[in-house]
N, C-alpha and C. Protein backbone atom coordinates (compact mmCIF):
# COMPACT_ATOMS: atom_id res chain seq x y z
N UNK A 1 29.02 15.45 -16.52
CA UNK A 1 27.63 16.05 -16.97
C UNK A 1 27.03 15.19 -18.14
N UNK A 2 25.72 14.95 -18.13
CA UNK A 2 25.00 14.52 -19.10
C UNK A 2 23.96 15.44 -19.60
N UNK A 3 23.81 15.63 -20.80
CA UNK A 3 22.59 16.61 -21.31
C UNK A 3 21.90 15.67 -22.17
N UNK A 4 20.39 15.72 -21.89
CA UNK A 4 19.68 15.02 -22.59
C UNK A 4 18.41 16.11 -23.02
N UNK A 5 17.67 15.48 -23.78
CA UNK A 5 16.48 16.25 -24.34
C UNK A 5 15.22 15.67 -23.72
N UNK A 6 14.46 16.62 -23.00
CA UNK A 6 13.19 16.21 -22.43
C UNK A 6 12.17 17.00 -23.11
N UNK A 7 11.09 16.15 -23.48
CA UNK A 7 10.04 16.77 -24.51
C UNK A 7 8.79 16.94 -23.52
N UNK A 8 8.19 18.14 -23.72
CA UNK A 8 7.02 18.61 -22.99
C UNK A 8 5.89 18.82 -23.99
N UNK A 9 4.95 17.80 -23.87
CA UNK A 9 3.72 17.86 -24.74
C UNK A 9 2.83 18.97 -24.28
N UNK A 10 2.17 19.74 -25.21
CA UNK A 10 1.27 20.85 -24.98
C UNK A 10 0.06 20.49 -23.99
N UNK A 11 -0.40 19.15 -24.22
CA UNK A 11 -1.43 18.69 -23.48
C UNK A 11 -1.21 17.01 -23.22
N UNK A 12 -1.93 16.65 -22.17
CA UNK A 12 -1.94 15.19 -21.92
C UNK A 12 -2.76 14.47 -22.97
N UNK A 13 -2.69 13.14 -23.08
CA UNK A 13 -3.54 12.36 -23.83
C UNK A 13 -2.95 11.46 -24.76
N UNK A 14 -3.81 10.72 -25.33
CA UNK A 14 -3.31 9.58 -26.16
C UNK A 14 -2.73 10.03 -27.50
N UNK A 15 -3.11 11.25 -27.94
CA UNK A 15 -2.64 11.82 -29.24
C UNK A 15 -0.95 11.79 -28.94
N UNK A 16 -0.41 11.76 -27.80
CA UNK A 16 1.14 11.54 -27.61
C UNK A 16 1.78 10.20 -27.53
N UNK A 17 0.89 9.06 -27.68
CA UNK A 17 1.40 7.75 -27.56
C UNK A 17 2.38 7.42 -28.57
N UNK A 18 2.28 7.61 -29.75
CA UNK A 18 3.45 7.31 -30.70
C UNK A 18 4.76 8.00 -30.39
N UNK A 19 4.60 9.28 -30.23
CA UNK A 19 5.81 10.11 -29.92
C UNK A 19 6.50 9.61 -28.64
N UNK A 20 5.65 9.47 -27.75
CA UNK A 20 6.21 8.89 -26.40
C UNK A 20 6.99 7.78 -26.63
N UNK A 21 6.53 6.64 -27.39
CA UNK A 21 7.20 5.46 -27.78
C UNK A 21 8.50 5.69 -28.58
N UNK A 22 8.41 6.78 -29.57
CA UNK A 22 9.67 6.96 -30.36
C UNK A 22 10.73 7.57 -29.46
N UNK A 23 10.34 8.48 -28.41
CA UNK A 23 11.30 9.15 -27.70
C UNK A 23 11.97 8.03 -26.70
N UNK A 24 11.08 7.23 -25.98
CA UNK A 24 11.45 6.14 -25.14
C UNK A 24 12.51 5.15 -25.85
N UNK A 25 12.03 4.61 -27.03
CA UNK A 25 12.79 3.66 -27.71
C UNK A 25 14.28 4.25 -28.14
N UNK A 26 14.24 5.48 -28.54
CA UNK A 26 15.45 6.19 -28.87
C UNK A 26 16.57 6.15 -27.67
N UNK A 27 15.89 6.50 -26.66
CA UNK A 27 16.76 6.74 -25.33
C UNK A 27 17.11 5.24 -24.77
N UNK A 28 16.18 4.36 -24.88
CA UNK A 28 16.56 3.25 -24.55
C UNK A 28 17.72 2.47 -25.27
N UNK A 29 17.57 2.78 -26.66
CA UNK A 29 18.80 2.36 -27.28
C UNK A 29 20.07 2.95 -26.98
N UNK A 30 20.05 4.27 -26.81
CA UNK A 30 21.34 4.94 -26.24
C UNK A 30 21.81 4.47 -24.99
N UNK A 31 21.15 4.08 -24.09
CA UNK A 31 21.50 3.66 -22.79
C UNK A 31 21.72 1.97 -22.64
N UNK A 32 21.26 1.29 -23.65
CA UNK A 32 21.37 -0.18 -23.59
C UNK A 32 20.25 -0.60 -22.82
N UNK A 33 19.19 -0.01 -22.38
CA UNK A 33 18.01 -0.55 -21.59
C UNK A 33 17.26 -1.49 -22.56
N UNK A 34 16.73 -2.69 -21.94
CA UNK A 34 16.27 -3.77 -22.63
C UNK A 34 14.88 -3.96 -21.95
N UNK A 35 14.55 -3.46 -21.06
CA UNK A 35 13.12 -3.71 -20.45
C UNK A 35 12.28 -2.54 -20.55
N UNK A 36 10.98 -2.50 -20.82
CA UNK A 36 10.06 -1.31 -21.08
C UNK A 36 8.76 -1.82 -20.47
N UNK A 37 8.49 -1.04 -19.52
CA UNK A 37 7.23 -1.23 -18.68
C UNK A 37 6.13 -0.32 -19.11
N UNK A 38 4.82 -0.94 -19.43
CA UNK A 38 3.98 0.11 -19.89
C UNK A 38 2.48 -0.16 -19.26
N UNK A 39 1.86 1.07 -18.96
CA UNK A 39 0.55 0.84 -18.41
C UNK A 39 -0.45 0.79 -19.47
N UNK A 40 -1.39 0.07 -19.34
CA UNK A 40 -2.58 -0.09 -20.32
C UNK A 40 -3.78 -0.63 -19.57
N UNK A 41 -4.78 0.02 -19.80
CA UNK A 41 -6.06 -0.38 -19.26
C UNK A 41 -6.88 -1.39 -20.21
N UNK A 42 -7.16 -0.78 -21.26
CA UNK A 42 -8.15 -1.70 -22.05
C UNK A 42 -7.17 -2.70 -23.01
N UNK A 43 -5.93 -2.33 -23.23
CA UNK A 43 -4.96 -3.16 -23.84
C UNK A 43 -4.59 -2.30 -25.19
N UNK A 44 -5.26 -1.31 -25.63
CA UNK A 44 -5.03 -0.69 -26.94
C UNK A 44 -3.59 -0.03 -26.76
N UNK A 45 -3.17 0.63 -25.62
CA UNK A 45 -1.86 1.06 -25.62
C UNK A 45 -0.80 -0.14 -25.41
N UNK A 46 -1.13 -1.29 -24.81
CA UNK A 46 -0.29 -2.36 -24.68
C UNK A 46 -0.03 -2.86 -26.01
N UNK A 47 -1.06 -3.11 -26.95
CA UNK A 47 -0.76 -3.59 -28.33
C UNK A 47 0.26 -2.80 -29.06
N UNK A 48 0.07 -1.46 -28.86
CA UNK A 48 0.95 -0.48 -29.53
C UNK A 48 2.38 -0.52 -29.05
N UNK A 49 2.43 -0.82 -27.79
CA UNK A 49 3.63 -0.91 -27.17
C UNK A 49 4.51 -2.18 -27.58
N UNK A 50 3.77 -3.23 -27.85
CA UNK A 50 4.68 -4.43 -28.22
C UNK A 50 4.91 -4.39 -29.61
N UNK A 51 4.08 -3.62 -30.42
CA UNK A 51 4.58 -3.40 -31.68
C UNK A 51 5.68 -2.44 -31.90
N UNK A 52 5.74 -1.39 -31.17
CA UNK A 52 6.82 -0.41 -31.21
C UNK A 52 8.28 -0.90 -30.47
N UNK A 53 8.02 -1.75 -29.47
CA UNK A 53 9.28 -2.17 -28.97
C UNK A 53 9.43 -3.80 -29.09
N UNK A 54 9.44 -4.12 -30.31
CA UNK A 54 9.26 -5.44 -30.85
C UNK A 54 10.67 -6.31 -30.24
N UNK A 55 11.76 -5.59 -30.24
CA UNK A 55 13.00 -6.05 -29.86
C UNK A 55 13.38 -6.09 -28.39
N UNK A 56 12.40 -5.73 -27.40
CA UNK A 56 12.57 -5.41 -26.13
C UNK A 56 11.81 -6.54 -25.25
N UNK A 57 11.98 -6.55 -23.99
CA UNK A 57 11.17 -7.17 -23.01
C UNK A 57 10.16 -6.07 -22.77
N UNK A 58 8.89 -6.41 -22.98
CA UNK A 58 7.72 -5.41 -22.63
C UNK A 58 6.95 -5.96 -21.72
N UNK A 59 6.78 -5.33 -20.60
CA UNK A 59 5.78 -5.65 -19.61
C UNK A 59 4.62 -4.68 -19.60
N UNK A 60 3.53 -5.24 -19.95
CA UNK A 60 2.26 -4.58 -19.89
C UNK A 60 1.60 -4.47 -18.58
N UNK A 61 1.33 -3.52 -17.82
CA UNK A 61 0.69 -3.47 -16.51
C UNK A 61 -0.65 -3.06 -16.56
N UNK A 62 -1.55 -3.88 -16.16
CA UNK A 62 -3.20 -3.47 -16.36
C UNK A 62 -3.74 -3.04 -14.97
N UNK A 63 -4.79 -2.43 -15.10
CA UNK A 63 -5.47 -2.10 -13.96
C UNK A 63 -5.68 -3.68 -13.09
N UNK A 64 -5.89 -3.50 -11.78
CA UNK A 64 -6.18 -4.62 -11.07
C UNK A 64 -7.55 -4.99 -11.25
N UNK A 65 -7.88 -6.36 -11.29
CA UNK A 65 -9.21 -6.74 -11.63
C UNK A 65 -9.98 -6.33 -10.50
N UNK A 66 -11.23 -5.80 -10.78
CA UNK A 66 -12.09 -5.30 -9.71
C UNK A 66 -11.95 -3.74 -9.61
N UNK A 67 -11.17 -3.14 -10.13
CA UNK A 67 -11.02 -1.65 -10.03
C UNK A 67 -12.41 -1.02 -10.46
N UNK A 68 -12.77 -1.27 -11.44
CA UNK A 68 -14.03 -0.63 -12.18
C UNK A 68 -15.26 -1.24 -11.37
N UNK A 69 -15.39 -2.55 -11.30
CA UNK A 69 -16.55 -3.15 -10.83
C UNK A 69 -16.02 -4.64 -10.24
N UNK A 70 -16.73 -5.15 -9.31
CA UNK A 70 -16.07 -6.49 -8.81
C UNK A 70 -16.01 -7.42 -9.83
N UNK A 71 -14.98 -8.16 -9.80
CA UNK A 71 -14.37 -9.26 -10.73
C UNK A 71 -14.43 -8.73 -12.20
N UNK A 72 -14.32 -7.59 -12.64
CA UNK A 72 -14.11 -7.05 -13.91
C UNK A 72 -12.60 -6.77 -14.31
N UNK A 73 -12.16 -7.36 -15.23
CA UNK A 73 -10.80 -7.00 -15.75
C UNK A 73 -10.97 -6.00 -16.99
N UNK A 74 -10.59 -4.97 -17.17
CA UNK A 74 -10.59 -4.09 -18.16
C UNK A 74 -9.84 -4.39 -19.37
N UNK A 75 -8.78 -4.99 -19.27
CA UNK A 75 -8.04 -5.56 -20.44
C UNK A 75 -8.92 -6.39 -21.30
N UNK A 76 -9.12 -6.20 -22.44
CA UNK A 76 -10.01 -6.93 -23.35
C UNK A 76 -9.35 -8.28 -23.60
N UNK A 77 -10.17 -9.29 -23.83
CA UNK A 77 -9.44 -10.55 -24.36
C UNK A 77 -8.65 -10.53 -25.74
N UNK A 78 -9.31 -9.75 -26.61
CA UNK A 78 -8.67 -9.70 -27.82
C UNK A 78 -7.22 -9.02 -27.82
N UNK A 79 -7.16 -7.85 -27.17
CA UNK A 79 -6.01 -7.13 -26.84
C UNK A 79 -4.93 -8.05 -26.08
N UNK A 80 -5.41 -8.68 -24.89
CA UNK A 80 -4.57 -9.72 -24.15
C UNK A 80 -3.98 -10.82 -25.24
N UNK A 81 -4.85 -11.43 -26.02
CA UNK A 81 -4.06 -12.38 -26.99
C UNK A 81 -3.21 -11.85 -27.77
N UNK A 82 -3.38 -10.45 -28.32
CA UNK A 82 -2.42 -9.97 -29.28
C UNK A 82 -1.00 -9.43 -28.50
N UNK A 83 -1.22 -8.88 -27.39
CA UNK A 83 -0.05 -8.75 -26.56
C UNK A 83 0.79 -9.96 -26.43
N UNK A 84 0.15 -10.96 -26.00
CA UNK A 84 0.90 -12.36 -25.81
C UNK A 84 1.50 -12.86 -26.80
N UNK A 85 0.69 -12.82 -28.01
CA UNK A 85 1.19 -13.46 -29.22
C UNK A 85 2.52 -12.64 -29.89
N UNK A 86 2.44 -11.37 -29.50
CA UNK A 86 3.70 -10.48 -30.03
C UNK A 86 4.76 -10.55 -28.97
N UNK A 87 4.63 -11.38 -27.97
CA UNK A 87 5.86 -11.48 -27.06
C UNK A 87 5.78 -10.51 -25.69
N UNK A 88 4.73 -9.82 -25.55
CA UNK A 88 4.53 -9.05 -24.23
C UNK A 88 4.31 -10.02 -23.14
N UNK A 89 4.49 -9.35 -22.10
CA UNK A 89 4.21 -10.01 -20.67
C UNK A 89 3.20 -9.11 -20.00
N UNK A 90 2.14 -9.75 -19.55
CA UNK A 90 1.01 -9.03 -18.85
C UNK A 90 0.96 -9.19 -17.40
N UNK A 91 1.00 -8.01 -16.63
CA UNK A 91 0.95 -8.00 -15.19
C UNK A 91 -0.27 -7.56 -14.65
N UNK A 92 -1.10 -8.21 -14.10
CA UNK A 92 -2.31 -7.70 -13.37
C UNK A 92 -1.99 -7.94 -11.94
N UNK A 93 -1.93 -7.02 -11.00
CA UNK A 93 -1.81 -7.09 -9.68
C UNK A 93 -2.24 -5.89 -8.91
N UNK A 94 -2.25 -5.84 -7.66
CA UNK A 94 -2.72 -4.84 -6.64
C UNK A 94 -1.85 -3.48 -7.05
N UNK A 95 -2.40 -2.51 -7.20
CA UNK A 95 -1.74 -1.22 -7.30
C UNK A 95 -0.71 -0.81 -6.23
N UNK A 96 0.31 -0.45 -6.54
CA UNK A 96 1.28 -0.20 -5.49
C UNK A 96 0.88 0.88 -4.58
N UNK A 97 0.07 1.98 -5.10
CA UNK A 97 -0.40 3.10 -4.44
C UNK A 97 -1.95 3.06 -4.18
N UNK A 98 -2.39 1.71 -4.14
CA UNK A 98 -3.93 1.83 -4.01
C UNK A 98 -4.44 0.55 -3.71
N UNK A 99 -3.86 -0.25 -2.82
CA UNK A 99 -4.27 -1.55 -2.23
C UNK A 99 -5.19 -1.44 -0.89
N UNK A 100 -4.69 -1.99 -0.02
CA UNK A 100 -5.31 -1.86 1.39
C UNK A 100 -5.75 -0.45 1.77
N UNK A 101 -4.80 0.51 1.42
CA UNK A 101 -5.00 2.02 1.77
C UNK A 101 -6.27 2.59 1.28
N UNK A 102 -6.49 2.01 0.05
CA UNK A 102 -7.80 2.54 -0.63
C UNK A 102 -9.07 2.02 0.00
N UNK A 103 -8.98 0.72 0.49
CA UNK A 103 -10.15 0.22 1.26
C UNK A 103 -10.31 0.94 2.58
N UNK A 104 -9.25 1.37 3.16
CA UNK A 104 -9.27 2.01 4.33
C UNK A 104 -9.96 3.67 4.04
N UNK A 105 -9.54 4.19 3.02
CA UNK A 105 -10.18 5.46 2.61
C UNK A 105 -11.67 5.36 2.31
N UNK A 106 -11.92 4.27 1.59
CA UNK A 106 -13.38 4.08 1.34
C UNK A 106 -14.33 3.82 2.58
N UNK A 107 -13.73 2.93 3.56
CA UNK A 107 -14.49 2.66 4.56
C UNK A 107 -14.48 3.69 5.60
N UNK A 108 -13.41 4.29 6.00
CA UNK A 108 -13.22 5.38 7.21
C UNK A 108 -12.99 6.80 6.58
N UNK A 109 -13.12 6.97 5.31
CA UNK A 109 -12.92 8.32 4.74
C UNK A 109 -11.69 9.15 5.42
N UNK A 110 -10.54 8.20 5.40
CA UNK A 110 -9.27 8.91 5.70
C UNK A 110 -8.28 8.43 4.65
N UNK A 111 -7.29 9.02 4.37
CA UNK A 111 -6.29 8.66 3.50
C UNK A 111 -5.18 8.00 4.15
N UNK A 112 -4.49 7.00 3.46
CA UNK A 112 -3.41 6.21 4.00
C UNK A 112 -2.20 6.74 3.22
N UNK A 113 -0.98 6.41 3.67
CA UNK A 113 0.28 6.87 3.21
C UNK A 113 0.40 6.74 1.60
N UNK A 114 -0.01 5.31 1.18
CA UNK A 114 0.00 4.96 -0.27
C UNK A 114 -0.65 6.06 -1.06
N UNK A 115 -1.86 6.35 -0.81
CA UNK A 115 -2.56 7.37 -1.64
C UNK A 115 -1.95 8.75 -1.48
N UNK A 116 -1.35 9.18 -0.23
CA UNK A 116 -0.67 10.49 -0.10
C UNK A 116 0.55 10.48 -1.08
N UNK A 117 1.15 9.46 -1.21
CA UNK A 117 2.42 9.25 -2.00
C UNK A 117 1.71 9.46 -3.64
N UNK A 118 0.81 8.95 -3.89
CA UNK A 118 0.38 8.95 -5.21
C UNK A 118 -0.05 10.42 -5.60
N UNK A 119 -0.74 11.03 -4.63
CA UNK A 119 -1.22 12.41 -4.91
C UNK A 119 0.03 13.24 -5.10
N UNK A 120 1.04 12.97 -4.21
CA UNK A 120 2.18 13.75 -4.36
C UNK A 120 3.00 13.66 -5.70
N UNK A 121 3.04 12.45 -6.19
CA UNK A 121 3.55 12.22 -7.46
C UNK A 121 2.79 12.86 -8.61
N UNK A 122 1.61 12.92 -8.41
CA UNK A 122 0.66 13.68 -9.45
C UNK A 122 0.99 15.14 -9.55
N UNK A 123 1.64 15.58 -8.75
CA UNK A 123 2.22 17.08 -8.94
C UNK A 123 2.94 17.15 -10.14
N UNK A 124 3.81 16.02 -10.50
CA UNK A 124 4.52 16.03 -11.77
C UNK A 124 3.71 15.50 -12.80
N UNK A 125 2.32 15.09 -12.74
CA UNK A 125 1.61 14.65 -13.89
C UNK A 125 1.04 13.19 -13.37
N UNK A 126 -0.20 13.00 -13.87
CA UNK A 126 -0.82 11.65 -13.75
C UNK A 126 0.30 10.53 -14.38
N UNK A 127 0.88 10.77 -15.55
CA UNK A 127 1.65 9.76 -16.13
C UNK A 127 2.89 9.46 -15.27
N UNK A 128 3.44 10.34 -14.65
CA UNK A 128 4.58 10.31 -13.74
C UNK A 128 4.24 9.37 -12.66
N UNK A 129 2.98 9.69 -11.98
CA UNK A 129 2.74 8.85 -10.86
C UNK A 129 2.35 7.34 -11.49
N UNK A 130 1.79 7.14 -12.52
CA UNK A 130 1.48 5.88 -13.20
C UNK A 130 2.97 5.11 -13.51
N UNK A 131 3.98 5.81 -13.97
CA UNK A 131 5.20 5.41 -14.42
C UNK A 131 5.96 4.83 -13.14
N UNK A 132 5.91 5.55 -12.05
CA UNK A 132 6.65 5.06 -10.80
C UNK A 132 5.96 3.90 -10.27
N UNK A 133 4.50 4.04 -10.17
CA UNK A 133 3.80 2.73 -9.71
C UNK A 133 3.97 1.52 -10.38
N UNK A 134 3.96 1.60 -11.78
CA UNK A 134 4.13 0.39 -12.59
C UNK A 134 5.58 -0.26 -12.32
N UNK A 135 6.56 0.77 -12.23
CA UNK A 135 8.05 0.30 -12.04
C UNK A 135 7.97 -0.56 -10.80
N UNK A 136 7.42 -0.13 -9.66
CA UNK A 136 7.33 -0.88 -8.34
C UNK A 136 6.64 -2.34 -8.56
N UNK A 137 5.52 -2.16 -9.37
CA UNK A 137 4.69 -3.46 -9.43
C UNK A 137 5.40 -4.40 -10.34
N UNK A 138 6.30 -4.07 -11.39
CA UNK A 138 6.99 -4.79 -12.10
C UNK A 138 8.16 -5.62 -11.32
N UNK A 139 8.76 -4.76 -10.53
CA UNK A 139 9.84 -5.24 -9.72
C UNK A 139 9.24 -6.27 -8.68
N UNK A 140 8.26 -5.93 -8.10
CA UNK A 140 7.48 -6.68 -7.16
C UNK A 140 7.24 -8.12 -7.65
N UNK A 141 6.85 -8.12 -9.09
CA UNK A 141 6.52 -9.40 -9.63
C UNK A 141 7.64 -10.06 -10.35
N UNK A 142 8.84 -9.54 -10.06
CA UNK A 142 10.14 -10.17 -10.59
C UNK A 142 10.31 -9.98 -12.20
N UNK A 143 9.43 -9.03 -12.80
CA UNK A 143 9.54 -8.75 -14.20
C UNK A 143 10.42 -7.52 -14.55
N UNK A 144 10.89 -6.76 -13.60
CA UNK A 144 11.98 -5.78 -13.75
C UNK A 144 13.10 -5.91 -12.63
N UNK A 145 14.18 -5.88 -13.00
CA UNK A 145 15.12 -6.02 -11.98
C UNK A 145 15.58 -4.63 -11.25
N UNK A 146 15.86 -4.72 -9.90
CA UNK A 146 16.13 -3.59 -9.10
C UNK A 146 17.58 -2.99 -9.54
N UNK A 147 18.31 -3.73 -10.08
CA UNK A 147 19.87 -3.34 -10.23
C UNK A 147 19.87 -2.82 -11.83
N UNK A 148 18.80 -2.75 -12.59
CA UNK A 148 19.07 -2.37 -13.86
C UNK A 148 17.78 -1.39 -14.24
N UNK A 149 18.25 -0.28 -14.88
CA UNK A 149 17.27 0.70 -15.32
C UNK A 149 16.44 0.20 -16.39
N UNK A 150 15.03 0.76 -16.45
CA UNK A 150 14.34 0.48 -17.23
C UNK A 150 13.68 1.84 -17.84
N UNK A 151 12.87 1.57 -18.88
CA UNK A 151 11.90 2.61 -19.30
C UNK A 151 10.61 2.37 -18.84
N UNK A 152 9.80 3.30 -18.01
CA UNK A 152 8.63 3.06 -17.47
C UNK A 152 7.84 4.32 -18.22
N UNK A 153 6.65 3.70 -18.82
CA UNK A 153 5.68 4.49 -19.66
C UNK A 153 4.36 4.48 -19.01
N UNK A 154 3.80 5.89 -18.90
CA UNK A 154 2.33 5.86 -18.24
C UNK A 154 1.75 7.06 -18.96
N UNK A 155 0.50 7.24 -18.69
CA UNK A 155 -0.39 8.34 -19.41
C UNK A 155 -1.31 8.85 -18.53
N UNK A 156 -2.02 9.69 -19.16
CA UNK A 156 -3.09 10.42 -18.44
C UNK A 156 -4.42 10.02 -19.09
N UNK A 157 -5.29 9.41 -18.37
CA UNK A 157 -6.40 8.82 -18.97
C UNK A 157 -6.30 7.71 -19.89
N UNK A 158 -5.94 7.94 -21.24
CA UNK A 158 -5.96 7.17 -22.28
C UNK A 158 -4.58 7.25 -22.89
N UNK A 159 -3.97 6.26 -23.27
CA UNK A 159 -2.85 6.36 -24.16
C UNK A 159 -1.42 6.62 -23.25
N UNK A 160 -0.45 6.93 -24.00
CA UNK A 160 0.90 7.15 -23.24
C UNK A 160 1.48 8.56 -23.46
N UNK A 161 1.65 9.33 -22.41
CA UNK A 161 2.16 10.65 -22.53
C UNK A 161 3.39 10.91 -21.55
N UNK A 162 3.83 9.96 -20.79
CA UNK A 162 5.03 10.21 -19.92
C UNK A 162 5.98 9.12 -19.99
N UNK A 163 7.41 9.22 -20.21
CA UNK A 163 8.22 8.08 -20.13
C UNK A 163 9.41 8.71 -19.38
N UNK A 164 9.85 7.69 -18.54
CA UNK A 164 10.85 7.90 -17.66
C UNK A 164 11.90 6.88 -17.62
N UNK A 165 13.13 7.16 -17.37
CA UNK A 165 14.20 6.21 -17.22
C UNK A 165 14.25 6.07 -15.66
N UNK A 166 14.04 4.78 -15.11
CA UNK A 166 13.83 4.58 -13.84
C UNK A 166 14.66 3.40 -13.35
N UNK A 167 15.24 3.46 -12.07
CA UNK A 167 15.76 2.45 -11.45
C UNK A 167 14.78 1.90 -10.42
N UNK A 168 14.19 0.63 -10.83
CA UNK A 168 13.11 0.21 -10.10
C UNK A 168 13.51 -0.34 -8.59
N UNK A 169 12.45 -0.36 -7.85
CA UNK A 169 12.59 -0.88 -6.43
C UNK A 169 11.34 -1.63 -6.19
N UNK A 170 11.48 -2.49 -5.28
CA UNK A 170 10.24 -3.26 -4.63
C UNK A 170 9.57 -2.20 -3.82
N UNK A 171 8.11 -2.57 -3.79
CA UNK A 171 7.32 -1.57 -3.00
C UNK A 171 7.77 -1.52 -1.66
N UNK A 172 8.23 -2.39 -1.00
CA UNK A 172 8.59 -2.28 0.46
C UNK A 172 9.97 -1.53 0.51
N UNK A 173 10.49 -1.31 -0.53
CA UNK A 173 11.68 -0.51 -0.50
C UNK A 173 11.45 0.76 -1.43
N UNK A 174 10.38 1.29 -1.36
CA UNK A 174 9.90 2.33 -2.10
C UNK A 174 10.80 3.49 -2.26
N UNK A 175 11.50 4.01 -1.22
CA UNK A 175 12.40 5.07 -1.13
C UNK A 175 13.77 4.69 -1.93
N UNK A 176 13.94 3.54 -2.43
CA UNK A 176 15.06 3.18 -3.31
C UNK A 176 14.61 3.29 -4.84
N UNK A 177 13.33 3.66 -5.05
CA UNK A 177 12.97 3.93 -6.55
C UNK A 177 13.67 5.28 -6.85
N UNK A 178 14.23 5.28 -8.20
CA UNK A 178 14.93 6.47 -8.69
C UNK A 178 14.43 6.77 -10.06
N UNK A 179 14.07 7.93 -10.04
CA UNK A 179 13.69 8.58 -11.55
C UNK A 179 15.00 9.26 -11.79
N UNK A 180 15.64 8.45 -12.96
CA UNK A 180 16.94 9.01 -13.54
C UNK A 180 16.84 10.04 -14.58
N UNK A 181 15.85 9.85 -15.43
CA UNK A 181 15.48 10.80 -16.41
C UNK A 181 14.04 11.08 -16.83
N UNK A 182 13.59 12.24 -17.11
CA UNK A 182 12.22 12.53 -17.72
C UNK A 182 12.36 12.65 -19.03
N UNK A 183 12.00 11.70 -19.90
CA UNK A 183 11.99 11.78 -21.39
C UNK A 183 10.97 12.64 -21.95
N UNK A 184 9.74 12.45 -21.47
CA UNK A 184 8.74 13.31 -21.79
C UNK A 184 7.49 13.24 -20.85
N UNK A 185 6.79 14.45 -20.89
CA UNK A 185 5.46 14.32 -20.12
C UNK A 185 4.71 15.58 -20.51
N UNK A 186 3.37 15.64 -20.28
CA UNK A 186 2.64 16.88 -20.55
C UNK A 186 3.11 17.93 -19.83
N UNK A 187 3.06 19.19 -20.42
CA UNK A 187 3.59 20.40 -19.68
C UNK A 187 2.27 20.79 -18.90
């Protein structure tokens, strides 16, 4: 039996970012995990992540280009440059739970399995859904191995408030994804 501490934040949001990183880094050290995958929209959280995890492989997963408006990438050029300068890797790709299925929903007003999975994961919180999704995306891009555990960090709206220990899987092997530990999340 393994006993770990799981932190539940009083409310979601960016005010939990530094504590989420502290908790995640501590557990990564205990487990010997070397890869940390972090969601970041504008890049603000991504910059904080590469600073907090300077001795780790840090993969920053952005929104897909065009999510908010055609051809618009929300990651700012300044934050992109800083993330890369500090050794982070940036992944911009189709969201594992929102690609073609989202187009079908928008066109035909009916949900597809990828968005049903996303809604189901949101039962555990938006950050949990995001952390699972970006683990799949990082594996698909070859930036996270499927035979090694990672720390995957997501958030609710802005910042980071959820950290999981995850054994990633490729999206086409979704049911092989395994959440090993919930390190922190909003209550």
